[in-house]
Amino acid sequence: MKVLIAPACTAIAMIAGWLVYEHSLNNTQTTPTKILTDPIAVQVTRSTKKTLEKRITLVGNLEAGSQVEIRSKYSGYIKSIPFDVGDQIKANDVILELNDTELQELVSKADASLIVAKAQLKAQVTGQELAQKAYERLLVLQKSGVSTQQEMEEALANKAIQEAQTELEEARVEQAKSDLEQSRLRLRENKVLAPTDGFLAERMVDVGDLAKPDVPLMKIVNLDHVRTIVHIVEKDYEDVKLEQKALITVDTFPGKTFTGHVKRKAPVLDPQTRTAAVHIEIPNADFALKPGMHARVQIVFEHHHKTSVLPIASLTRRKDGPGSAVFIIGGNPPITERRNIETGINDGELVEILSGLKPEDLVITLGNRMVDEGQTVTPVEVPMDQVIQTPSPLPQKTNL
């Protein structure tokens, strides 16, 4: 009997424990709290009428309208450099001078040689005149029968020799003149002159350095106009025409736009990138634009009269295939609807709406990537002009 009591007590204790566990488990289970969310806030606007230009936006670096690398024709030590980097230079200004001590001596020697040659010519002319007079005297004596035939031949030969000698001395004088002019020209070329107006952009040497013909000395840039080279893709190639207007902005002058024009267009496309180089020239009368500045370039293709427009940011993809759509809202509470539309040209900021919208439709411009069709939203309407200037931040909603 005692043997049976112990197992029975153990079994009763286990059953009682299980019942207590089940009861406590049921008491701790509660129904999950439902999390309520407010409708997402979106920015909306209505289409409006604006004059629109079709344009593309590209980037490039500004370059000088022209630049010249200065070199010397001859070797020599630099005697002076009147200009420094940033100085404005006029054409024919002396921008560098080489040491001319040896050249001055060469000029003096050439001048002295010319004096000697002229003196020798003068002496020879006198000798020629004497030979001519002697010959004329013999002609008179020959008529009287006093001079012999041999004397006449000798006088005639001497006259010819003197004439030839005079020609030789005249040639020596001309040679001396040429040598002197060359020496003076070489001396003048010791002064390097600016070939064009501009600014000294770079100076690679200093006074005392040895200038050589194969070593660049300085660089002059002309900033009356600057240029930039941008690359257009294949689909835009035919739209770009010579003399088309281009609008340029740089970080140095925020809010300011410079106007340029297309001057050249590459006749071929790069087979690797499928792009073509377009050269744009920008007037720069006040020299505000500098080579090396990063430029954003808009090339204007077409000009349209007033047409219905929306911000490009409002566009989304159609569900039924290629093309554009927008989310509009309507009803109470406001619910989203995806509306297929037909678009025209764009200027990089606004897009032309050809069909699919009514003037009164409210279009989501900010938040359209976070919604789907049939979703309840909280619209915040912002006028089109404010949307174009700066997108308004949407109110933040907290999930509860």
Protein backbone atom coordinates (compact mmCIF):
# COMPACT_ATOMS: atom_id res chain seq x y z
CA MET A 1 0.00 0.00 0.00
CA LYS A 2 2.83 2.37 0.92
CA VAL A 3 4.42 1.57 -2.40
CA LEU A 4 1.35 2.91 -4.30
CA ILE A 5 0.91 6.11 -2.26
CA ALA A 6 4.19 7.72 -3.34
CA PRO A 7 3.61 7.48 -7.15
CA ALA A 8 0.01 8.69 -6.74
CA CYS A 9 1.12 11.79 -4.86
CA THR A 10 3.68 12.56 -7.54
CA ALA A 11 1.09 12.28 -10.32
CA ILE A 12 -1.38 14.53 -8.45
CA ALA A 13 1.33 17.18 -7.96
CA MET A 14 2.24 17.16 -11.68
CA ILE A 15 -1.41 17.57 -12.73
CA ALA A 16 -1.90 20.46 -10.29
CA GLY A 17 1.24 22.18 -11.59
CA TRP A 18 0.09 21.85 -15.20
CA LEU A 19 -3.30 23.39 -14.38
CA VAL A 20 -1.62 26.33 -12.61
CA TYR A 21 0.69 26.88 -15.63
CA GLU A 22 -2.22 26.85 -18.09
CA HIS A 23 -4.16 29.34 -15.97
CA SER A 24 -1.23 31.75 -15.65
CA LEU A 25 -0.49 31.51 -19.40
CA ASN A 26 -4.07 32.42 -20.28
CA ASN A 27 -3.95 35.40 -17.93
CA THR A 28 -0.76 36.82 -19.52
CA GLN A 29 -2.01 36.70 -23.16
CA THR A 30 -3.43 40.01 -24.40
CA THR A 31 -4.76 41.20 -27.75
CA PRO A 32 -2.02 43.09 -29.82
CA THR A 33 -2.51 46.86 -29.96
CA LYS A 34 -3.34 48.03 -33.46
CA ILE A 35 -0.86 50.73 -34.75
CA LEU A 36 -2.71 53.56 -36.42
CA THR A 37 -0.98 55.66 -39.12
CA ASP A 38 -1.99 59.03 -40.53
CA PRO A 39 -2.18 59.46 -44.33
CA ILE A 40 1.18 60.43 -45.85
CA ALA A 41 1.61 64.13 -46.61
CA VAL A 42 2.35 65.06 -50.23
CA GLN A 43 2.98 68.35 -52.02
CA VAL A 44 0.55 69.12 -54.85
CA THR A 45 0.16 71.84 -57.45
CA ARG A 46 -1.86 72.63 -60.57
CA SER A 47 -0.51 72.91 -64.10
CA THR A 48 0.00 76.44 -65.33
CA LYS A 49 0.73 78.29 -68.56
CA LYS A 50 4.33 79.31 -69.16
CA THR A 51 6.64 80.06 -72.08
CA LEU A 52 8.90 77.04 -72.45
CA GLU A 53 12.22 76.48 -74.17
CA LYS A 54 13.58 73.06 -75.03
CA ARG A 55 17.13 72.80 -73.76
CA ILE A 56 19.73 70.33 -72.56
CA THR A 57 22.04 70.80 -69.59
CA LEU A 58 25.71 69.81 -69.86
CA VAL A 59 28.91 70.46 -67.95
CA GLY A 60 32.34 71.58 -69.05
CA ASN A 61 35.41 73.61 -68.07
CA LEU A 62 36.07 77.15 -69.22
CA GLU A 63 39.11 77.76 -71.42
CA ALA A 64 40.77 80.95 -72.60
CA GLY A 65 39.61 82.27 -75.96
CA SER A 66 43.21 81.92 -77.09
CA GLN A 67 46.53 81.28 -75.41
CA VAL A 68 50.11 81.68 -76.56
CA GLU A 69 53.19 79.92 -75.22
CA ILE A 70 56.20 82.24 -75.35
CA ARG A 71 59.64 80.95 -76.35
CA SER A 72 62.86 82.72 -77.32
CA LYS A 73 64.44 82.30 -80.76
CA TYR A 74 67.93 82.19 -79.31
CA SER A 75 69.65 80.96 -76.17
CA GLY A 76 70.76 83.47 -73.58
CA TYR A 77 70.56 84.44 -69.95
CA ILE A 78 67.46 86.38 -68.96
CA LYS A 79 68.20 90.02 -68.18
CA SER A 80 64.72 91.27 -67.20
CA ILE A 81 61.03 90.25 -67.02
CA PRO A 82 58.86 93.37 -66.68
CA PHE A 83 55.58 91.49 -66.05
CA ASP A 84 54.37 89.03 -63.45
CA VAL A 85 51.51 86.54 -63.31
CA GLY A 86 48.12 88.27 -63.57
CA ASP A 87 49.44 91.43 -65.25
CA GLN A 88 47.59 92.69 -68.31
CA ILE A 89 49.73 92.85 -71.44
CA LYS A 90 49.32 94.69 -74.72
CA ALA A 91 50.55 93.44 -78.08
CA ASN A 92 54.22 94.38 -78.77
CA ASP A 93 54.99 95.02 -75.09
CA VAL A 94 58.50 93.85 -74.13
CA ILE A 95 57.77 90.88 -71.87
CA LEU A 96 61.29 89.45 -71.55
CA GLU A 97 64.83 90.60 -72.38
CA LEU A 98 67.98 88.50 -72.73
CA ASN A 99 71.48 89.63 -71.84
CA ASP A 100 72.79 91.62 -74.86
CA THR A 101 76.45 92.39 -73.96
CA GLU A 102 77.91 90.18 -76.68
CA LEU A 103 75.37 91.36 -79.22
CA GLN A 104 76.23 94.98 -78.54
CA GLU A 105 79.86 94.15 -79.36
CA LEU A 106 78.78 92.39 -82.56
CA VAL A 107 76.83 95.47 -83.60
CA SER A 108 79.85 97.69 -82.92
CA LYS A 109 82.10 95.41 -84.97
CA ALA A 110 79.62 95.32 -87.83
CA ASP A 111 79.35 99.11 -87.75
CA ALA A 112 83.13 99.45 -87.89
CA SER A 113 83.33 96.97 -90.76
CA LEU A 114 80.84 99.06 -92.69
CA ILE A 115 82.94 102.18 -92.15
CA VAL A 116 86.04 100.37 -93.45
CA ALA A 117 84.16 99.03 -96.47
CA LYS A 118 82.89 102.48 -97.34
CA ALA A 119 86.39 103.93 -97.08
CA GLN A 120 87.80 101.22 -99.33
CA LEU A 121 85.04 101.88 -101.82
CA LYS A 122 85.79 105.57 -101.79
CA ALA A 123 89.50 104.89 -102.47
CA GLN A 124 88.62 102.49 -105.23
CA VAL A 125 86.26 104.99 -106.86
CA THR A 126 89.18 107.45 -106.94
CA GLY A 127 91.41 104.84 -108.57
CA GLN A 128 88.70 104.11 -111.13
CA GLU A 129 88.40 107.81 -111.94
CA LEU A 130 92.19 108.05 -112.48
CA ALA A 131 92.13 105.05 -114.79
CA GLN A 132 89.27 106.62 -116.75
CA LYS A 133 91.16 109.93 -117.16
CA ALA A 134 94.36 108.12 -118.25
CA TYR A 135 92.37 106.25 -120.86
CA GLU A 136 90.76 109.47 -122.14
CA ARG A 137 94.19 111.17 -122.43
CA LEU A 138 95.53 108.29 -124.51
CA LEU A 139 92.53 108.62 -126.81
CA VAL A 140 93.49 112.25 -127.49
CA LEU A 141 97.16 111.34 -128.03
CA GLN A 142 96.20 108.52 -130.34
CA LYS A 143 94.54 110.99 -132.67
CA SER A 144 97.80 112.91 -132.83
CA GLY A 145 99.74 109.66 -133.42
CA VAL A 146 101.74 110.00 -130.23
CA SER A 147 100.45 106.97 -128.20
CA THR A 148 101.09 103.42 -129.25
CA GLN A 149 98.60 100.59 -129.63
CA GLN A 150 100.10 98.80 -126.64
CA GLU A 151 99.60 101.83 -124.37
CA MET A 152 95.97 102.05 -125.43
CA GLU A 153 95.39 98.36 -124.67
CA GLU A 154 97.04 98.66 -121.26
CA ALA A 155 94.98 101.75 -120.38
CA LEU A 156 91.78 100.03 -121.47
CA ALA A 157 92.61 96.92 -119.42
CA ASN A 158 93.47 99.02 -116.35
CA LYS A 159 90.17 100.88 -116.73
CA ALA A 160 88.25 97.58 -116.83
CA ILE A 161 90.13 96.26 -113.79
CA GLN A 162 89.36 99.40 -111.81
CA GLU A 163 85.68 99.20 -112.71
CA ALA A 164 85.55 95.57 -111.59
CA GLN A 165 87.38 96.44 -108.39
CA THR A 166 84.84 99.19 -107.71
CA GLU A 167 81.99 96.75 -108.14
CA LEU A 168 83.71 94.41 -105.69
CA GLU A 169 84.09 97.19 -103.11
CA GLU A 170 80.46 98.17 -103.58
CA ALA A 171 79.46 94.56 -102.92
CA ARG A 172 81.60 94.57 -99.78
CA VAL A 173 79.82 97.69 -98.58
CA GLU A 174 76.44 96.03 -99.15
CA GLN A 175 77.68 92.96 -97.30
CA ALA A 176 78.83 95.12 -94.40
CA LYS A 177 75.43 96.85 -94.34
CA SER A 178 73.67 93.48 -94.28
CA ASP A 179 75.91 92.24 -91.46
CA LEU A 180 75.17 95.38 -89.47
CA GLU A 181 71.43 95.04 -90.03
CA GLN A 182 71.54 91.39 -89.00
CA SER A 183 73.42 92.29 -85.85
CA ARG A 184 70.91 94.99 -85.02
CA LEU A 185 68.00 92.62 -85.76
CA ARG A 186 69.56 89.96 -83.56
CA LEU A 187 69.94 92.56 -80.85
CA ARG A 188 66.28 93.57 -81.20
CA GLU A 189 65.23 89.92 -81.00
CA ASN A 190 66.90 89.74 -77.62
CA LYS A 191 63.74 91.55 -76.50
CA VAL A 192 60.77 89.19 -76.63
CA LEU A 193 57.57 91.04 -77.60
CA ALA A 194 54.01 90.04 -76.74
CA PRO A 195 52.31 88.68 -79.87
CA THR A 196 48.81 89.54 -78.60
CA ASP A 197 46.82 91.34 -75.95
CA GLY A 198 46.04 89.32 -72.85
CA PHE A 199 47.07 88.41 -69.34
CA LEU A 200 50.23 86.70 -68.16
CA ALA A 201 48.80 83.38 -67.00
CA GLU A 202 52.02 81.53 -66.19
CA ARG A 203 55.72 82.34 -65.84
CA MET A 204 58.14 79.40 -65.91
CA VAL A 205 61.46 81.32 -65.59
CA ASP A 206 63.03 84.14 -63.62
CA VAL A 207 65.79 86.69 -64.11
CA GLY A 208 69.17 84.94 -64.46
CA ASP A 209 67.75 81.72 -65.90
CA LEU A 210 69.08 80.41 -69.21
CA ALA A 211 66.48 80.71 -71.95
CA LYS A 212 66.54 78.14 -74.76
CA PRO A 213 64.43 77.87 -77.90
CA ASP A 214 63.01 74.51 -76.81
CA VAL A 215 62.02 75.68 -73.32
CA PRO A 216 58.69 77.54 -72.78
CA LEU A 217 59.15 80.79 -70.87
CA MET A 218 55.63 82.01 -70.14
CA LYS A 219 52.01 81.75 -71.24
CA ILE A 220 49.68 84.60 -72.27
CA VAL A 221 45.90 84.10 -72.38
CA ASN A 222 43.30 86.27 -74.07
CA LEU A 223 40.17 86.66 -71.94
CA ASP A 224 38.11 88.95 -74.18
CA HIS A 225 36.07 85.81 -74.65
CA VAL A 226 36.25 82.35 -73.13
CA ARG A 227 35.03 79.03 -74.43
CA THR A 228 33.98 75.64 -73.21
CA ILE A 229 33.70 72.26 -74.88
CA VAL A 230 30.70 70.08 -74.00
CA HIS A 231 29.71 66.68 -75.37
CA ILE A 232 26.23 65.97 -76.67
CA VAL A 233 24.69 62.53 -77.03
CA GLU A 234 23.68 61.09 -80.36
CA LYS A 235 19.94 61.81 -80.03
CA ASP A 236 20.60 65.55 -79.57
CA TYR A 237 23.17 65.88 -82.35
CA GLU A 238 20.81 67.16 -85.06
CA ASP A 239 19.15 69.61 -82.65
CA VAL A 240 22.40 71.53 -82.07
CA LYS A 241 22.96 74.27 -84.67
CA LEU A 242 25.71 76.85 -85.10
CA GLU A 243 25.01 80.17 -83.38
CA GLN A 244 22.43 78.60 -81.07
CA LYS A 245 22.13 80.34 -77.71
CA ALA A 246 23.75 78.77 -74.67
CA LEU A 247 23.26 79.80 -71.04
CA ILE A 248 26.25 79.35 -68.72
CA THR A 249 26.42 79.42 -64.93
CA VAL A 250 29.47 79.06 -62.66
CA ASP A 251 29.77 78.55 -58.92
CA THR A 252 31.75 81.78 -58.51
CA PHE A 253 28.70 83.87 -59.45
CA PRO A 254 25.60 82.12 -58.04
CA GLY A 255 22.38 83.38 -59.56
CA LYS A 256 24.13 85.00 -62.53
CA THR A 257 23.75 83.67 -66.07
CA PHE A 258 26.18 84.32 -68.93
CA THR A 259 25.15 84.02 -72.57
CA GLY A 260 27.22 82.31 -75.24
CA HIS A 261 26.71 80.77 -78.67
CA VAL A 262 27.58 77.51 -80.38
CA LYS A 263 30.59 78.19 -82.64
CA ARG A 264 31.64 74.72 -83.78
CA LYS A 265 30.25 71.20 -83.76
CA ALA A 266 32.33 68.09 -84.39
CA PRO A 267 31.39 66.41 -87.68
CA VAL A 268 31.84 62.93 -86.16
CA LEU A 269 30.82 61.17 -82.95
CA ASP A 270 33.21 59.35 -80.64
CA PRO A 271 32.47 55.63 -81.24
CA GLN A 272 33.29 54.83 -77.61
CA THR A 273 30.96 57.36 -75.95
CA ARG A 274 28.56 58.11 -78.83
CA THR A 275 28.99 61.82 -78.14
CA ALA A 276 30.16 64.78 -80.21
CA ALA A 277 32.15 67.81 -79.06
CA VAL A 278 30.42 71.19 -79.22
CA HIS A 279 32.47 74.40 -78.83
CA ILE A 280 30.69 77.29 -77.13
CA GLU A 281 32.09 80.83 -77.09
CA ILE A 282 31.18 83.28 -74.32
CA PRO A 283 31.87 87.06 -74.44
CA ASN A 284 33.88 88.16 -71.40
CA ALA A 285 34.35 91.92 -71.69
CA ASP A 286 34.81 92.42 -67.92
CA PHE A 287 37.15 89.40 -67.63
CA ALA A 288 34.93 87.94 -64.89
CA LEU A 289 35.07 84.40 -66.26
CA LYS A 290 38.40 82.62 -65.79
CA PRO A 291 39.85 79.53 -67.48
CA GLY A 292 39.46 76.44 -65.35
CA MET A 293 36.07 77.36 -63.86
CA HIS A 294 33.51 74.56 -63.81
CA ALA A 295 30.60 75.56 -66.02
CA ARG A 296 27.05 74.29 -66.35
CA VAL A 297 25.81 74.85 -69.88
CA GLN A 298 22.26 74.88 -71.19
CA ILE A 299 21.86 74.80 -74.97
CA VAL A 300 18.49 76.17 -76.04
CA PHE A 301 16.91 74.18 -78.90
CA GLU A 302 13.35 75.40 -79.35
CA HIS A 303 11.21 78.28 -78.13
CA HIS A 304 7.50 77.68 -77.53
CA HIS A 305 4.68 80.08 -76.79
CA LYS A 306 2.77 79.72 -73.54
CA THR A 307 1.82 76.12 -72.87
CA SER A 308 0.68 74.00 -69.92
CA VAL A 309 3.62 72.87 -67.81
CA LEU A 310 4.43 70.87 -64.69
CA PRO A 311 7.70 70.26 -62.82
CA ILE A 312 9.62 67.32 -64.26
CA ALA A 313 9.80 65.89 -60.73
CA SER A 314 6.05 65.22 -60.85
CA LEU A 315 6.40 62.64 -63.64
CA THR A 316 6.30 58.90 -62.97
CA ARG A 317 6.07 55.82 -65.17
CA ARG A 318 2.91 54.35 -66.63
CA LYS A 319 1.85 50.94 -65.41
CA ASP A 320 0.72 49.80 -68.85
CA GLY A 321 3.97 50.43 -70.74
CA PRO A 322 6.43 53.14 -71.74
CA GLY A 323 5.45 56.76 -71.32
CA SER A 324 4.74 59.22 -68.54
CA ALA A 325 2.10 59.46 -65.86
CA VAL A 326 1.36 61.59 -62.81
CA PHE A 327 -0.46 61.03 -59.54
CA ILE A 328 -3.49 63.27 -59.07
CA ILE A 329 -5.67 63.41 -55.96
CA GLY A 330 -9.40 63.75 -55.57
CA GLY A 331 -12.33 62.87 -53.35
CA ASN A 332 -12.91 63.20 -49.64
CA PRO A 333 -10.78 61.88 -48.08
CA PRO A 334 -8.19 62.64 -50.83
CA ILE A 335 -7.17 59.48 -52.72
CA THR A 336 -4.43 59.10 -55.32
CA GLU A 337 -5.07 58.21 -58.95
CA ARG A 338 -2.40 57.43 -61.56
CA ARG A 339 -3.15 59.41 -64.73
CA ASN A 340 -1.41 58.71 -68.05
CA ILE A 341 -0.34 61.89 -69.87
CA GLU A 342 1.40 62.97 -73.07
CA THR A 343 4.42 65.24 -72.66
CA GLY A 344 6.27 67.57 -75.04
CA ILE A 345 9.52 69.46 -74.68
CA ASN A 346 11.27 70.23 -71.39
CA ASP A 347 13.84 72.75 -70.25
CA GLY A 348 15.42 70.59 -67.57
CA GLU A 349 13.03 71.89 -64.90
CA LEU A 350 9.57 72.08 -66.45
CA VAL A 351 7.88 69.73 -68.92
CA GLU A 352 5.14 70.53 -71.43
CA ILE A 353 1.82 68.73 -70.87
CA LEU A 354 0.13 68.03 -74.21
CA SER A 355 -2.84 65.96 -73.00
CA GLY A 356 -4.22 63.97 -70.07
CA LEU A 357 -4.73 66.72 -67.49
CA LYS A 358 -7.28 69.39 -66.71
CA PRO A 359 -6.27 72.81 -65.32
CA GLU A 360 -8.04 72.07 -62.03
CA ASP A 361 -6.31 68.71 -61.41
CA LEU A 362 -4.12 68.59 -58.32
CA VAL A 363 -0.85 66.84 -59.21
CA ILE A 364 1.59 65.39 -56.68
CA THR A 365 4.98 67.08 -57.16
CA LEU A 366 6.75 65.91 -54.01
CA GLY A 367 6.09 62.51 -52.49
CA ASN A 368 4.98 60.74 -55.67
CA ARG A 369 7.70 58.11 -55.16
CA MET A 370 6.20 57.13 -51.80
CA VAL A 371 2.57 56.59 -52.82
CA ASP A 372 0.61 54.13 -54.90
CA GLU A 373 -2.72 54.30 -56.68
CA GLY A 374 -5.77 54.36 -54.41
CA GLN A 375 -3.87 55.54 -51.35
CA THR A 376 -5.27 58.13 -48.95
CA VAL A 377 -2.98 61.14 -48.57
CA THR A 378 -2.82 64.54 -46.94
CA PRO A 379 -2.27 67.15 -49.69
CA VAL A 380 -0.29 70.34 -49.16
CA GLU A 381 -0.97 72.64 -52.12
CA VAL A 382 1.90 74.91 -53.23
CA PRO A 383 1.63 77.43 -56.12
CA MET A 384 3.63 76.51 -59.23
CA ASP A 385 5.98 79.52 -58.94
CA GLN A 386 7.03 78.42 -55.45
CA VAL A 387 7.50 74.83 -56.60
CA ILE A 388 9.88 76.01 -59.35
CA GLN A 389 11.96 78.18 -57.01
CA THR A 390 12.42 75.76 -54.12
CA PRO A 391 10.41 72.65 -53.34
CA SER A 392 8.57 73.15 -50.04
CA PRO A 393 9.35 70.59 -47.34
CA LEU A 394 6.39 68.42 -46.44
CA PRO A 395 5.05 68.21 -42.87
CA GLN A 396 6.41 65.16 -41.09
CA LYS A 397 3.83 62.66 -39.75
CA THR A 398 4.60 60.37 -36.83
CA ASN A 399 3.38 56.80 -36.78
CA LEU A 400 1.50 56.02 -33.56
